[in-house]
N, C-alpha and C. Protein backbone atom coordinates (compact mmCIF):
# COMPACT_ATOMS: atom_id res chain seq x y z
N MET A 1 38.72 -29.71 -65.16
CA MET A 1 39.33 -29.69 -63.84
C MET A 1 38.61 -28.66 -62.97
N ALA A 2 38.32 -29.04 -61.75
CA ALA A 2 37.61 -28.16 -60.83
C ALA A 2 38.52 -27.05 -60.35
N ASN A 3 37.92 -25.92 -60.03
CA ASN A 3 38.66 -24.77 -59.55
C ASN A 3 38.73 -24.81 -58.03
N VAL A 4 39.94 -24.83 -57.49
CA VAL A 4 40.15 -24.84 -56.04
C VAL A 4 40.74 -23.49 -55.66
N LYS A 5 40.24 -22.92 -54.55
CA LYS A 5 40.76 -21.64 -54.08
C LYS A 5 41.09 -21.77 -52.60
N ILE A 6 42.26 -21.28 -52.22
CA ILE A 6 42.69 -21.25 -50.82
C ILE A 6 42.97 -19.80 -50.46
N VAL A 7 42.24 -19.29 -49.48
CA VAL A 7 42.40 -17.91 -49.04
C VAL A 7 43.08 -17.90 -47.67
N VAL A 8 44.15 -17.15 -47.54
CA VAL A 8 44.85 -17.00 -46.27
C VAL A 8 44.14 -15.88 -45.51
N LYS A 9 43.42 -16.24 -44.47
CA LYS A 9 42.65 -15.26 -43.70
C LYS A 9 43.57 -14.52 -42.74
N ASP A 10 43.37 -13.21 -42.60
CA ASP A 10 44.14 -12.43 -41.64
C ASP A 10 43.89 -12.96 -40.23
N ASN A 11 44.97 -13.24 -39.50
CA ASN A 11 44.88 -13.72 -38.11
C ASN A 11 44.00 -14.96 -37.96
N GLY A 12 43.94 -15.77 -39.00
CA GLY A 12 43.06 -16.93 -38.95
C GLY A 12 43.51 -18.07 -39.84
N ALA A 13 42.54 -18.80 -40.31
CA ALA A 13 42.74 -20.07 -41.00
C ALA A 13 43.02 -19.91 -42.50
N PHE A 14 43.29 -21.06 -43.13
CA PHE A 14 43.29 -21.16 -44.58
C PHE A 14 41.88 -21.59 -44.98
N ARG A 15 41.15 -20.78 -45.76
CA ARG A 15 39.80 -21.12 -46.21
C ARG A 15 39.91 -21.81 -47.56
N VAL A 16 39.44 -23.05 -47.65
CA VAL A 16 39.56 -23.86 -48.85
C VAL A 16 38.17 -24.07 -49.46
N THR A 17 38.02 -23.75 -50.74
CA THR A 17 36.76 -23.99 -51.45
C THR A 17 37.08 -24.69 -52.77
N GLY A 18 36.14 -25.47 -53.24
CA GLY A 18 36.32 -26.18 -54.49
C GLY A 18 36.38 -27.68 -54.27
N ASP A 19 36.53 -28.40 -55.36
CA ASP A 19 36.55 -29.86 -55.33
C ASP A 19 37.96 -30.34 -54.98
N VAL A 20 38.20 -30.56 -53.68
CA VAL A 20 39.53 -30.95 -53.22
C VAL A 20 39.39 -32.08 -52.21
N GLU A 21 40.36 -32.98 -52.21
CA GLU A 21 40.38 -34.08 -51.25
C GLU A 21 41.48 -33.79 -50.23
N LEU A 22 41.16 -33.90 -48.95
CA LEU A 22 42.11 -33.69 -47.87
C LEU A 22 42.44 -35.04 -47.26
N VAL A 23 43.72 -35.40 -47.28
CA VAL A 23 44.15 -36.70 -46.74
C VAL A 23 45.26 -36.50 -45.72
N ASP A 24 45.41 -37.47 -44.80
CA ASP A 24 46.50 -37.40 -43.83
C ASP A 24 47.77 -37.96 -44.47
N PHE A 25 48.86 -37.98 -43.71
CA PHE A 25 50.16 -38.40 -44.22
C PHE A 25 50.15 -39.83 -44.76
N GLU A 26 49.28 -40.67 -44.22
CA GLU A 26 49.18 -42.07 -44.66
C GLU A 26 48.21 -42.24 -45.82
N GLY A 27 47.60 -41.14 -46.28
CA GLY A 27 46.68 -41.21 -47.41
C GLY A 27 45.23 -41.44 -47.04
N HIS A 28 44.91 -41.45 -45.75
CA HIS A 28 43.53 -41.65 -45.32
C HIS A 28 42.76 -40.34 -45.45
N PRO A 29 41.59 -40.38 -46.09
CA PRO A 29 40.85 -39.14 -46.31
C PRO A 29 40.11 -38.64 -45.07
N PHE A 30 40.06 -37.31 -44.95
CA PHE A 30 39.20 -36.68 -43.97
C PHE A 30 37.83 -36.54 -44.59
N GLU A 31 36.82 -36.22 -43.79
CA GLU A 31 35.45 -36.03 -44.28
C GLU A 31 35.44 -35.02 -45.43
N ALA A 32 34.78 -35.39 -46.53
CA ALA A 32 34.69 -34.50 -47.68
C ALA A 32 33.72 -33.36 -47.40
N LYS A 33 34.14 -32.14 -47.73
CA LYS A 33 33.31 -30.95 -47.55
C LYS A 33 33.50 -30.05 -48.76
N GLU A 34 32.45 -29.27 -49.11
CA GLU A 34 32.56 -28.34 -50.24
C GLU A 34 33.47 -27.17 -49.91
N ALA A 35 33.49 -26.76 -48.65
CA ALA A 35 34.35 -25.67 -48.18
C ALA A 35 34.72 -25.96 -46.74
N PHE A 36 35.96 -25.60 -46.38
CA PHE A 36 36.39 -25.81 -45.00
C PHE A 36 37.56 -24.88 -44.71
N SER A 37 37.84 -24.72 -43.42
CA SER A 37 38.96 -23.89 -42.98
C SER A 37 39.98 -24.78 -42.28
N LEU A 38 41.24 -24.64 -42.68
CA LEU A 38 42.33 -25.40 -42.08
C LEU A 38 43.05 -24.53 -41.05
N CYS A 39 43.33 -25.11 -39.90
CA CYS A 39 44.03 -24.42 -38.84
C CYS A 39 45.45 -24.10 -39.28
N ARG A 40 45.93 -22.91 -38.97
CA ARG A 40 47.33 -22.61 -39.20
C ARG A 40 48.02 -22.08 -37.95
N CYS A 41 47.29 -22.05 -36.83
CA CYS A 41 47.89 -21.57 -35.57
C CYS A 41 48.31 -22.72 -34.67
N GLY A 42 47.74 -23.92 -34.88
CA GLY A 42 48.06 -25.07 -34.06
C GLY A 42 47.26 -25.19 -32.78
N LEU A 43 46.27 -24.32 -32.58
CA LEU A 43 45.49 -24.32 -31.34
C LEU A 43 44.16 -25.06 -31.42
N SER A 44 43.74 -25.45 -32.61
CA SER A 44 42.43 -26.07 -32.80
C SER A 44 42.32 -27.44 -32.13
N ALA A 45 41.17 -27.71 -31.53
CA ALA A 45 40.89 -29.03 -30.97
C ALA A 45 40.33 -29.96 -32.04
N LYS A 46 40.07 -29.43 -33.23
CA LYS A 46 39.49 -30.23 -34.33
C LYS A 46 40.46 -30.31 -35.51
N MET A 47 41.75 -30.40 -35.22
CA MET A 47 42.77 -30.46 -36.28
C MET A 47 42.42 -31.52 -37.31
N PRO A 48 42.64 -31.30 -38.58
CA PRO A 48 43.33 -30.16 -39.15
C PRO A 48 42.41 -28.97 -39.40
N TYR A 49 41.15 -29.09 -39.00
CA TYR A 49 40.19 -28.01 -39.24
C TYR A 49 40.29 -26.92 -38.18
N CYS A 50 39.96 -25.72 -38.56
CA CYS A 50 39.95 -24.59 -37.64
C CYS A 50 38.66 -24.61 -36.82
N ASP A 51 38.79 -24.38 -35.50
CA ASP A 51 37.61 -24.28 -34.65
C ASP A 51 37.47 -22.89 -34.02
N GLY A 52 38.29 -21.94 -34.47
CA GLY A 52 38.21 -20.58 -33.96
C GLY A 52 39.04 -20.32 -32.72
N SER A 53 39.81 -21.31 -32.27
CA SER A 53 40.63 -21.15 -31.06
C SER A 53 41.69 -20.06 -31.19
N HIS A 54 41.99 -19.66 -32.41
CA HIS A 54 43.02 -18.65 -32.67
C HIS A 54 42.61 -17.24 -32.25
N LYS A 55 41.33 -17.01 -32.12
CA LYS A 55 40.84 -15.65 -31.86
C LYS A 55 41.51 -15.03 -30.64
N GLY A 56 42.20 -13.92 -30.86
CA GLY A 56 42.88 -13.20 -29.80
C GLY A 56 44.20 -13.80 -29.37
N LYS A 57 44.61 -14.93 -29.98
CA LYS A 57 45.83 -15.62 -29.57
C LYS A 57 46.82 -15.82 -30.72
N PHE A 58 46.46 -15.39 -31.91
CA PHE A 58 47.29 -15.68 -33.09
C PHE A 58 47.25 -14.47 -34.01
N GLN A 59 48.41 -13.99 -34.40
CA GLN A 59 48.47 -12.87 -35.32
C GLN A 59 49.35 -13.22 -36.50
N SER A 60 48.79 -13.14 -37.67
CA SER A 60 49.55 -13.39 -38.88
C SER A 60 48.78 -12.82 -40.06
N VAL A 61 49.37 -11.86 -40.72
CA VAL A 61 48.79 -11.28 -41.92
C VAL A 61 49.79 -11.52 -43.04
N VAL A 62 49.38 -12.29 -44.04
CA VAL A 62 50.26 -12.67 -45.13
C VAL A 62 49.69 -12.11 -46.43
N ARG A 63 50.56 -11.47 -47.21
CA ARG A 63 50.15 -10.94 -48.51
C ARG A 63 51.09 -11.48 -49.58
N ALA A 64 50.52 -11.76 -50.74
CA ALA A 64 51.33 -12.20 -51.88
C ALA A 64 52.14 -11.01 -52.38
N PRO A 65 53.33 -11.25 -52.91
CA PRO A 65 54.12 -10.15 -53.47
C PRO A 65 53.37 -9.53 -54.64
N LYS A 66 53.45 -8.24 -54.73
CA LYS A 66 52.79 -7.55 -55.85
C LYS A 66 53.59 -7.78 -57.12
N ALA A 67 52.88 -8.12 -58.18
CA ALA A 67 53.53 -8.34 -59.47
C ALA A 67 54.01 -7.00 -60.02
N GLU A 68 55.19 -7.02 -60.61
CA GLU A 68 55.70 -5.80 -61.23
C GLU A 68 54.94 -5.55 -62.51
N ASN A 69 54.63 -4.29 -62.76
CA ASN A 69 53.91 -3.93 -63.97
C ASN A 69 54.92 -3.64 -65.07
N LYS A 70 55.04 -4.53 -66.02
CA LYS A 70 56.03 -4.42 -67.10
C LYS A 70 55.76 -3.19 -67.98
N ASP A 71 54.49 -2.74 -68.07
CA ASP A 71 54.15 -1.58 -68.91
C ASP A 71 54.76 -0.30 -68.37
N LEU A 72 54.99 -0.20 -67.07
CA LEU A 72 55.56 1.00 -66.48
C LEU A 72 57.05 1.16 -66.80
N GLU A 73 57.71 0.09 -67.19
CA GLU A 73 59.14 0.13 -67.49
C GLU A 73 59.43 0.75 -68.84
N LYS A 74 58.43 0.86 -69.70
CA LYS A 74 58.64 1.37 -71.06
C LYS A 74 58.76 2.87 -71.10
């Protein structure tokens, strides 16, 4: 199985790398690419792809919750 990685960029897009297929709600595929950025601000003229329209107009910094270290509880 191929390794797919999605990175949530600060104040920007979702960066997708790996062997992944992107399809619309009806199942029609978008152009296949090895890596691409998906818009998450809704301002892109090239939806679902990011075109950089978010710059200076969109703020969102998302971090995953930090895992608790079970060794510290002992």
